[in-house]
Amino acid sequence: MYKENKQKRHNTVTKLLGSNFCAAPWTSFWESPQGNVTFCCMSRESLGNTNDSPMEEILDSPQARTVRASLLRNEMPQYCSNCFKNKDNVIDNNAKGWNQIFHAVANTESDGKLNGNYIEWADLNFSNKCNFACLGCTPELSDTIKRKYMPAYASLTEKTSEGHAKNWEHLPDDTVFANNSSTIDYIVNNAFSMSRIHLNGGEPWMQEGFYQLLDKLIVGGQHKSITLWTHTNGSISTWNRRNFIDEYLSIWHDAQVSMSCDGVGARGEYIRFGYTDRKWRKTYDKIQFLNKTRDNPINVTVQFSVNTFNILTLSSHIKEISEYIDTNSTVSIELWRDDYIRSIAGAARISEQFRIRALAELEKVEKITNHTRRFALRPSIRDVLEDPHRNNASAHDSGTPVTERCRYFLDAINKLDAMRSTDFASTFPELDFLIQEIKQIVAQTDQTHSHTS
């Protein structure tokens, strides 16, 4: 039902305000761990930084006005190009901004200047504090990666150590960024228009700024009116003697929790380094125990990201998760969107055998998830496997030659195993054929070079 309502809201918005219209520049903002602000998570073109300017100025900057003015003319701003490649994002933004958007547009001048505040939705990343080092993550979102595993993650993303360091040279030297106070004040002062906040990470339940924000909203009574949506890796519930579940979720009127899990057992521990089944289930059980005391249960979603490391055993992971979680919880099966070999798009471009085996495994999962609301299996997974070379199969094409991509991937595995005391071969025996294909590509290239030199 929510999906149908979301589509209806989007259709109404675009019918009245233009086919290219998106509500985000009026009704939402996203903040990175180092304080850069955009209108939504799909753009990384910063409007300003909260360490340098107040949020009010950032959201009414010349660039912000230009984007709004362009959308009012039913144009597609370059700023929004990433989002408009995936219309689902625009639909989502228009649905979330439903309560304020028509009033907001009525109070917008032709140059994009917005008179008043109409923010409904804040997507917050207050620091990169995280106790995990997940294979799909970056140092911007994990201080554990930044402190311990940069060489391995350089190879995993097809870069030299120097190139990887340069890619993240904009990050501060300290591993945990402090940019909270200005955003906290802005949200508290404008809480009357807010309908939802999203606590993202790093690991949100380890971030001091989020506790400060929630404390102030509780004092103001906004825990009764603002929906709280939080992600968590499921490894902890207590931080600095404060229990997120008992002290915050327990009193929040409307709360949603997305618990990340990209695999169970040894495979899950390898992919999301820091994960254990026991800790994850302990956190899940605490939330469900709390739900027994609530008239308005906390909506718990398991967010499962499909990648090269779990796609060939996906059905067993999904079966085990579904057998454990409560029938009221849902499992959202999504996709890592990049072009490196760690993603199914990148691996399927390298190996046709991988692509065929992955499709066969996906068919098993489709049978498990068919005709039940407990699962949301994204069609993009099948789209990528059916045509991994299509333009939107991944977020980008790295442009790295095939042989070099293979070298980087092998180097990444070796570095990860050496630095973390893990063993890729015994953890993922089903991927041995892929590793052999990758090694053969490298060997053939080396042999050709030796003959020509």
Protein backbone atom coordinates (compact mmCIF):
# COMPACT_ATOMS: atom_id res chain seq x y z
CA MET A 1 0.00 0.00 0.00
CA TYR A 2 2.82 2.44 0.84
CA LYS A 3 4.35 1.93 -2.60
CA GLU A 4 1.04 2.72 -4.31
CA ASN A 5 0.54 5.85 -2.17
CA LYS A 6 4.09 6.95 -2.89
CA GLN A 7 3.52 6.67 -6.63
CA LYS A 8 0.22 8.56 -6.40
CA ARG A 9 1.86 11.40 -4.50
CA HIS A 10 4.66 11.60 -7.07
CA ASN A 11 2.18 11.64 -9.94
CA THR A 12 0.22 14.49 -8.33
CA VAL A 13 3.38 16.51 -7.65
CA THR A 14 4.74 16.15 -11.20
CA LYS A 15 1.35 16.83 -12.78
CA LEU A 16 1.07 20.15 -10.95
CA LEU A 17 4.73 21.21 -10.79
CA GLY A 18 6.35 19.64 -13.86
CA SER A 19 7.52 16.24 -15.07
CA ASN A 20 11.10 16.88 -13.88
CA PHE A 21 10.11 18.19 -10.49
CA CYS A 22 11.77 16.89 -7.33
CA ALA A 23 10.82 18.08 -3.85
CA ALA A 24 14.22 17.49 -2.24
CA PRO A 25 15.64 21.04 -2.72
CA TRP A 26 12.68 22.35 -0.72
CA THR A 27 12.00 19.65 1.85
CA SER A 28 15.16 17.67 2.67
CA PHE A 29 18.90 17.72 3.21
CA TRP A 30 21.71 15.19 3.53
CA GLU A 31 24.84 15.81 5.59
CA SER A 32 28.11 13.91 5.18
CA PRO A 33 30.30 12.85 8.11
CA GLN A 34 32.64 15.80 7.48
CA GLY A 35 29.80 18.33 7.33
CA ASN A 36 29.14 18.74 3.61
CA VAL A 37 25.47 19.40 2.85
CA THR A 38 23.47 18.37 -0.21
CA PHE A 39 19.75 18.20 -0.89
CA CYS A 40 19.74 14.39 -0.93
CA CYS A 41 22.10 11.42 -0.68
CA MET A 42 22.37 10.97 -4.45
CA SER A 43 24.38 14.14 -5.01
CA ARG A 44 27.89 14.72 -3.71
CA GLU A 45 28.11 18.30 -5.03
CA SER A 46 28.24 20.17 -1.75
CA LEU A 47 26.09 23.24 -1.16
CA GLY A 48 28.30 24.19 1.79
CA ASN A 49 29.84 22.85 4.98
CA THR A 50 28.37 23.16 8.47
CA ASN A 51 31.84 23.73 9.92
CA ASP A 52 32.00 26.96 7.90
CA SER A 53 28.42 28.21 7.54
CA PRO A 54 25.05 27.92 9.33
CA MET A 55 22.60 25.45 7.81
CA GLU A 56 20.17 28.29 6.98
CA GLU A 57 22.78 29.94 4.74
CA ILE A 58 23.77 26.67 3.08
CA LEU A 59 20.19 25.79 2.13
CA ASP A 60 19.66 29.31 0.71
CA SER A 61 23.05 29.56 -1.03
CA PRO A 62 23.32 30.80 -4.64
CA GLN A 63 23.74 27.22 -5.83
CA ALA A 64 20.70 26.06 -3.85
CA ARG A 65 18.61 28.85 -5.39
CA THR A 66 19.84 27.95 -8.88
CA VAL A 67 18.77 24.33 -8.49
CA ARG A 68 15.29 25.30 -7.25
CA ALA A 69 14.82 27.88 -10.01
CA SER A 70 15.78 25.32 -12.65
CA LEU A 71 13.27 22.77 -11.33
CA LEU A 72 10.54 25.41 -11.27
CA ARG A 73 11.18 25.88 -15.00
CA ASN A 74 10.79 22.08 -15.42
CA GLU A 75 14.47 21.78 -16.34
CA MET A 76 16.80 19.04 -15.14
CA PRO A 77 19.71 20.62 -13.23
CA GLN A 78 23.15 19.10 -13.66
CA TYR A 79 23.25 18.98 -9.86
CA CYS A 80 20.47 16.38 -9.95
CA SER A 81 21.84 14.24 -12.80
CA ASN A 82 22.71 11.20 -10.63
CA CYS A 83 19.27 11.09 -9.09
CA PHE A 84 17.36 11.38 -12.35
CA LYS A 85 19.14 8.26 -13.65
CA ASN A 86 17.02 6.39 -11.12
CA LYS A 87 13.47 7.71 -11.05
CA ASP A 88 12.73 5.76 -7.86
CA ASN A 89 14.80 8.32 -5.96
CA VAL A 90 12.73 11.20 -7.32
CA ILE A 91 9.49 9.36 -6.53
CA ASP A 92 10.73 8.81 -2.99
CA ASN A 93 11.69 12.48 -2.54
CA ASN A 94 8.33 13.71 -3.79
CA ALA A 95 6.47 11.32 -1.49
CA LYS A 96 8.50 12.31 1.56
CA GLY A 97 8.05 16.01 0.86
CA TRP A 98 4.30 15.71 0.36
CA ASN A 99 3.19 17.61 3.45
CA GLN A 100 5.16 20.78 2.71
CA ILE A 101 5.99 20.95 -0.98
CA PHE A 102 3.02 22.91 -2.38
CA HIS A 103 3.22 25.48 0.41
CA ALA A 104 6.99 25.69 -0.09
CA VAL A 105 6.74 26.26 -3.85
CA ALA A 106 4.12 28.96 -3.30
CA ASN A 107 6.68 30.77 -1.16
CA THR A 108 9.56 30.45 -3.62
CA GLU A 109 10.65 33.37 -5.80
CA SER A 110 11.50 32.91 -9.48
CA ASP A 111 15.25 33.00 -8.74
CA GLY A 112 14.86 30.07 -6.32
CA LYS A 113 14.96 32.08 -3.10
CA LEU A 114 12.85 30.26 -0.52
CA ASN A 115 10.94 32.35 2.02
CA GLY A 116 10.53 30.24 5.14
CA ASN A 117 11.57 26.77 6.25
CA TYR A 118 9.85 23.63 4.95
CA ILE A 119 12.35 20.87 5.72
CA GLU A 120 10.54 17.60 6.41
CA TRP A 121 13.34 15.11 6.08
CA ALA A 122 16.93 15.16 7.41
CA ASP A 123 19.41 12.45 6.39
CA LEU A 124 22.26 12.65 8.89
CA ASN A 125 25.80 11.26 9.00
CA PHE A 126 27.49 12.91 12.00
CA SER A 127 30.78 11.00 11.92
CA ASN A 128 32.57 7.99 10.45
CA LYS A 129 32.78 6.31 13.86
CA CYS A 130 32.26 2.60 13.21
CA ASN A 131 33.53 -0.67 14.66
CA PHE A 132 33.14 -2.49 11.32
CA ALA A 133 35.19 -2.59 8.12
CA CYS A 134 32.66 -3.78 5.53
CA LEU A 135 33.96 -4.67 2.07
CA GLY A 136 31.53 -2.29 0.34
CA CYS A 137 32.33 0.69 2.56
CA THR A 138 34.80 3.61 2.49
CA PRO A 139 36.99 5.49 4.98
CA GLU A 140 34.45 8.33 4.84
CA LEU A 141 31.95 6.05 6.59
CA SER A 142 34.28 3.88 8.69
CA ASP A 143 37.12 5.11 10.87
CA THR A 144 38.16 1.45 11.25
CA ILE A 145 38.93 1.33 7.52
CA LYS A 146 40.69 4.68 7.70
CA ARG A 147 42.87 3.65 10.65
CA LYS A 148 43.63 0.03 9.81
CA TYR A 149 42.89 -1.15 6.29
CA MET A 150 43.56 1.58 3.73
CA PRO A 151 46.06 -0.47 1.62
CA ALA A 152 43.62 -3.36 1.22
CA TYR A 153 40.72 -1.04 0.36
CA ALA A 154 42.90 0.75 -2.18
CA SER A 155 43.29 -2.50 -4.11
CA LEU A 156 39.62 -3.41 -3.56
CA THR A 157 38.66 -0.18 -5.35
CA GLU A 158 41.32 -0.61 -8.05
CA LYS A 159 43.72 2.08 -6.87
CA THR A 160 47.30 2.26 -5.73
CA SER A 161 47.81 3.15 -2.07
CA GLU A 162 48.88 6.64 -3.16
CA GLY A 163 45.87 7.00 -5.44
CA HIS A 164 43.51 5.80 -2.74
CA ALA A 165 44.99 8.22 -0.19
CA LYS A 166 44.62 11.06 -2.69
CA ASN A 167 40.99 10.09 -3.31
CA TRP A 168 40.29 10.64 0.40
CA GLU A 169 42.70 13.49 1.10
CA HIS A 170 39.72 15.78 1.74
CA LEU A 171 38.99 13.87 4.96
CA PRO A 172 40.30 15.45 8.18
CA ASP A 173 43.33 13.88 9.84
CA ASP A 174 41.28 12.86 12.85
CA THR A 175 39.24 9.73 12.33
CA VAL A 176 36.01 10.95 13.93
CA PHE A 177 34.61 14.22 12.64
CA ALA A 178 32.88 16.76 14.87
CA ASN A 179 30.34 18.89 13.03
CA ASN A 180 27.22 18.26 15.07
CA SER A 181 26.23 21.39 17.00
CA SER A 182 25.10 23.60 14.12
CA THR A 183 22.93 20.86 12.57
CA ILE A 184 21.48 19.88 15.94
CA ASP A 185 20.46 23.49 16.61
CA TYR A 186 18.93 23.80 13.14
CA ILE A 187 16.81 20.66 13.53
CA VAL A 188 15.66 21.55 17.04
CA ASN A 189 14.77 25.12 16.02
CA ASN A 190 12.81 23.90 12.98
CA ALA A 191 11.32 20.75 14.46
CA PHE A 192 7.80 22.06 13.78
CA SER A 193 8.18 21.24 10.07
CA MET A 194 10.10 17.97 10.47
CA SER A 195 8.37 14.67 9.91
CA ARG A 196 11.36 12.30 9.82
CA ILE A 197 15.05 12.10 10.66
CA HIS A 198 17.40 9.39 9.45
CA LEU A 199 20.43 8.44 11.55
CA ASN A 200 23.06 6.97 9.26
CA GLY A 201 26.72 6.17 9.65
CA GLY A 202 29.33 4.99 10.33
CA GLU A 203 27.55 3.14 13.10
CA PRO A 204 24.85 5.56 14.34
CA TRP A 205 24.52 4.00 17.76
CA MET A 206 28.19 4.84 18.46
CA GLN A 207 27.94 8.54 17.57
CA GLU A 208 27.77 11.06 20.40
CA GLY A 209 26.08 13.73 18.29
CA PHE A 210 23.03 11.57 17.68
CA TYR A 211 22.48 11.08 21.40
CA GLN A 212 22.72 14.86 21.89
CA LEU A 213 20.17 15.45 19.12
CA LEU A 214 17.70 12.88 20.42
CA ASP A 215 18.01 14.19 24.00
CA LYS A 216 17.02 17.68 22.83
CA LEU A 217 14.13 16.42 20.72
CA ILE A 218 12.82 14.43 23.67
CA VAL A 219 12.97 17.50 25.92
CA GLY A 220 10.95 19.39 23.31
CA GLY A 221 8.43 16.56 22.97
CA GLN A 222 9.30 15.95 19.31
CA HIS A 223 9.77 12.23 19.96
CA LYS A 224 5.98 12.12 19.76
CA SER A 225 5.73 13.76 16.32
CA ILE A 226 8.94 13.05 14.36
CA THR A 227 9.54 9.58 12.90
CA LEU A 228 12.94 8.21 13.87
CA TRP A 229 14.62 6.01 11.27
CA THR A 230 17.98 4.56 12.20
CA HIS A 231 20.42 2.15 10.63
CA THR A 232 22.61 -0.13 12.72
CA ASN A 233 25.09 -2.91 12.10
CA GLY A 234 23.51 -4.73 15.05
CA SER A 235 26.68 -5.17 17.07
CA ILE A 236 25.86 -2.98 20.07
CA SER A 237 22.96 -1.39 21.91
CA THR A 238 24.86 0.48 24.67
CA TRP A 239 27.35 3.30 24.10
CA ASN A 240 28.92 5.45 26.84
CA ARG A 241 26.52 3.96 29.40
CA ARG A 242 23.45 4.88 27.31
CA ASN A 243 21.25 2.16 25.88
CA PHE A 244 19.81 3.13 22.50
CA ILE A 245 17.01 0.57 22.63
CA ASP A 246 15.93 1.03 26.25
CA GLU A 247 16.36 4.80 26.51
CA TYR A 248 15.43 6.06 23.04
CA LEU A 249 13.57 3.50 20.92
CA SER A 250 11.42 2.59 23.93
CA ILE A 251 9.90 6.08 24.18
CA TRP A 252 9.88 7.10 20.50
CA HIS A 253 6.32 7.05 19.21
CA ASP A 254 7.15 6.09 15.61
CA ALA A 255 10.48 4.34 15.02
CA GLN A 256 12.03 2.29 12.22
CA VAL A 257 15.26 0.30 12.39
CA SER A 258 17.24 -1.03 9.42
CA MET A 259 19.66 -3.75 10.52
CA SER A 260 22.42 -4.49 8.02
CA CYS A 261 23.34 -8.12 7.37
CA ASP A 262 25.12 -9.23 4.18
CA GLY A 263 25.54 -12.88 5.13
CA VAL A 264 25.46 -15.27 8.05
CA GLY A 265 28.27 -17.31 9.57
CA ALA A 266 31.84 -17.07 8.33
CA ARG A 267 30.82 -15.45 5.03
CA GLY A 268 28.94 -12.68 6.86
CA GLU A 269 31.92 -12.13 9.15
CA TYR A 270 34.25 -11.78 6.16
CA ILE A 271 32.01 -9.38 4.21
CA ARG A 272 31.06 -7.17 7.17
CA PHE A 273 34.23 -7.50 9.21
CA GLY A 274 33.18 -7.07 12.84
CA TYR A 275 29.86 -8.90 12.42
CA THR A 276 28.89 -12.00 14.40
CA ASP A 277 25.57 -13.85 14.28
CA ARG A 278 25.38 -13.91 18.09
CA LYS A 279 25.68 -10.14 18.61
CA TRP A 280 23.38 -9.30 15.68
CA ARG A 281 20.66 -11.64 16.94
CA LYS A 282 21.03 -10.32 20.48
CA THR A 283 20.30 -6.78 19.27
CA TYR A 284 17.41 -7.96 17.10
CA ASP A 285 15.91 -9.91 20.02
CA LYS A 286 16.09 -6.85 22.30
CA ILE A 287 14.08 -4.79 19.82
CA GLN A 288 11.48 -7.52 19.43
CA PHE A 289 11.24 -7.92 23.19
CA LEU A 290 10.59 -4.18 23.44
CA ASN A 291 7.91 -4.49 20.76
CA LYS A 292 5.87 -6.72 23.06
CA THR A 293 5.32 -3.69 25.32
CA ARG A 294 4.44 -1.19 22.56
CA ASP A 295 1.09 -0.33 21.00
CA ASN A 296 3.01 1.00 17.99
CA PRO A 297 5.67 -1.65 17.20
CA ILE A 298 9.07 -0.63 15.88
CA ASN A 299 9.33 -1.49 12.20
CA VAL A 300 12.48 -3.63 11.75
CA THR A 301 13.93 -4.22 8.27
CA VAL A 302 16.91 -6.42 7.51
CA GLN A 303 18.95 -4.70 4.81
CA PHE A 304 20.83 -7.31 2.79
CA SER A 305 23.22 -6.07 0.09
CA VAL A 306 24.02 -8.47 -2.74
CA ASN A 307 27.64 -8.65 -3.88
CA THR A 308 30.18 -10.99 -5.42
CA PHE A 309 30.92 -12.63 -2.09
CA ASN A 310 27.36 -13.68 -1.21
CA ILE A 311 25.42 -14.02 -4.50
CA LEU A 312 26.34 -17.68 -5.11
CA THR A 313 25.08 -18.71 -1.65
CA LEU A 314 22.30 -16.11 -1.46
CA SER A 315 19.40 -18.54 -1.00
CA SER A 316 20.95 -20.13 2.09
CA HIS A 317 21.58 -16.71 3.67
CA ILE A 318 18.02 -15.56 2.99
CA LYS A 319 16.54 -18.82 4.28
CA GLU A 320 18.48 -18.63 7.54
CA ILE A 321 17.63 -14.98 8.14
CA SER A 322 13.95 -15.50 7.33
CA GLU A 323 13.71 -18.50 9.66
CA TYR A 324 15.13 -16.48 12.53
CA ILE A 325 13.44 -13.08 12.28
CA ASP A 326 9.92 -12.28 13.38
CA THR A 327 7.14 -12.58 10.81
CA ASN A 328 6.47 -8.83 11.09
CA SER A 329 10.02 -7.95 9.98
CA THR A 330 10.93 -7.54 6.32
CA VAL A 331 14.09 -8.34 4.38
CA SER A 332 15.16 -5.80 1.76
CA ILE A 333 17.49 -7.50 -0.73
CA GLU A 334 19.43 -4.75 -2.49
CA LEU A 335 22.51 -4.28 -4.65
CA TRP A 336 26.02 -2.96 -4.23
CA ARG A 337 26.22 -0.44 -7.06
CA ASP A 338 29.79 -0.17 -8.24
CA ASP A 339 31.86 -1.56 -11.07
CA TYR A 340 34.67 -3.19 -9.10
CA ILE A 341 34.96 -6.99 -9.05
CA ARG A 342 33.56 -7.01 -5.50
CA SER A 343 30.16 -6.17 -7.09
CA ILE A 344 28.10 -8.59 -9.18
CA ALA A 345 28.23 -6.13 -12.08
CA GLY A 346 32.03 -6.11 -12.05
CA ALA A 347 32.36 -9.88 -11.54
CA ALA A 348 29.79 -10.69 -14.24
CA ARG A 349 31.74 -8.58 -16.72
CA ILE A 350 34.83 -10.64 -15.94
CA SER A 351 33.27 -14.13 -15.88
CA GLU A 352 30.36 -15.51 -17.88
CA GLN A 353 30.37 -18.59 -15.66
CA PHE A 354 29.89 -16.38 -12.61
CA ARG A 355 27.00 -14.59 -14.31
CA ILE A 356 25.23 -17.87 -15.17
CA ARG A 357 25.70 -19.34 -11.69
CA ALA A 358 24.53 -16.12 -10.07
CA LEU A 359 21.37 -16.08 -12.19
CA ALA A 360 20.64 -19.68 -11.20
CA GLU A 361 21.01 -18.79 -7.53
CA LEU A 362 18.84 -15.71 -7.97
CA GLU A 363 16.06 -17.92 -9.36
CA LYS A 364 16.13 -19.92 -6.11
CA VAL A 365 15.82 -16.70 -4.14
CA GLU A 366 12.94 -15.50 -6.32
CA LYS A 367 11.03 -18.69 -5.47
CA ILE A 368 11.65 -18.12 -1.76
CA THR A 369 10.59 -14.48 -1.85
CA ASN A 370 7.71 -14.76 -4.33
CA HIS A 371 4.18 -13.88 -3.15
CA THR A 372 5.16 -12.64 0.31
CA ARG A 373 5.41 -9.15 1.72
CA ARG A 374 8.24 -10.18 4.02
CA PHE A 375 10.76 -9.71 1.21
CA ALA A 376 11.61 -6.83 -1.11
CA LEU A 377 13.84 -8.25 -3.83
CA ARG A 378 15.07 -5.40 -6.00
CA PRO A 379 14.67 -6.03 -9.75
CA SER A 380 18.00 -4.26 -10.34
CA ILE A 381 19.79 -7.46 -9.23
CA ARG A 382 18.36 -9.47 -12.13
CA ASP A 383 18.79 -6.50 -14.49
CA VAL A 384 22.52 -6.39 -13.79
CA LEU A 385 23.01 -10.14 -14.20
CA GLU A 386 21.07 -10.25 -17.44
CA ASP A 387 23.11 -7.41 -18.91
CA PRO A 388 26.11 -6.41 -16.78
CA HIS A 389 27.44 -4.21 -19.59
CA ARG A 390 24.48 -1.86 -19.80
CA ASN A 391 25.10 1.75 -18.84
CA ASN A 392 23.22 1.77 -15.56
CA ALA A 393 24.33 -1.69 -14.38
CA SER A 394 26.63 0.01 -11.92
CA ALA A 395 27.27 3.44 -10.50
CA HIS A 396 30.29 3.96 -12.73
CA ASP A 397 32.73 2.28 -15.07
CA SER A 398 36.18 2.48 -13.53
CA GLY A 399 37.90 2.46 -16.91
CA THR A 400 40.63 0.20 -15.52
CA PRO A 401 41.87 -2.43 -18.05
CA VAL A 402 40.55 -5.94 -17.36
CA THR A 403 43.93 -7.43 -16.45
CA GLU A 404 44.70 -4.63 -14.01
CA ARG A 405 41.29 -5.05 -12.43
CA CYS A 406 42.06 -8.71 -11.86
CA ARG A 407 45.46 -7.90 -10.38
CA TYR A 408 43.91 -5.42 -7.98
CA PHE A 409 41.27 -7.92 -6.84
CA LEU A 410 43.80 -10.66 -6.15
CA ASP A 411 45.99 -8.17 -4.32
CA ALA A 412 43.01 -7.00 -2.25
CA ILE A 413 42.19 -10.55 -1.13
CA ASN A 414 45.81 -11.22 -0.17
CA LYS A 415 46.04 -7.98 1.79
CA LEU A 416 42.71 -8.51 3.54
CA ASP A 417 43.68 -12.01 4.62
CA ALA A 418 47.09 -10.87 5.83
CA MET A 419 45.80 -7.82 7.70
CA ARG A 420 42.73 -9.47 9.23
CA SER A 421 43.93 -13.07 9.67
CA THR A 422 41.09 -14.33 7.46
CA ASP A 423 41.16 -16.98 4.73
CA PHE A 424 39.25 -16.15 1.55
CA ALA A 425 39.68 -19.60 -0.04
CA SER A 426 38.18 -21.58 2.82
CA THR A 427 35.44 -19.00 3.47
CA PHE A 428 34.23 -18.84 -0.15
CA PRO A 429 35.02 -22.23 -1.79
CA GLU A 430 32.16 -21.58 -4.26
CA LEU A 431 34.22 -18.70 -5.70
CA ASP A 432 37.31 -20.78 -6.44
CA PHE A 433 36.42 -20.99 -10.15
CA LEU A 434 36.19 -17.19 -10.33
CA ILE A 435 39.59 -16.78 -8.69
CA GLN A 436 41.07 -19.30 -11.15
CA GLU A 437 39.56 -17.40 -14.10
CA ILE A 438 40.97 -14.14 -12.76
CA LYS A 439 44.41 -15.70 -12.28
CA GLN A 440 44.28 -17.09 -15.82
CA ILE A 441 43.53 -13.64 -17.26
CA VAL A 442 46.57 -12.24 -15.47
CA ALA A 443 48.78 -15.17 -16.49
CA GLN A 444 47.78 -14.94 -20.17
CA THR A 445 48.56 -11.24 -20.24
CA ASP A 446 51.94 -11.80 -18.58
CA GLN A 447 52.72 -14.58 -21.05
CA THR A 448 51.84 -12.35 -24.01
CA HIS A 449 54.03 -9.57 -22.65
CA SER A 450 56.96 -11.94 -22.12
CA HIS A 451 56.73 -13.16 -25.71
CA THR A 452 56.65 -9.65 -27.16
CA SER A 453 59.42 -8.24 -24.97
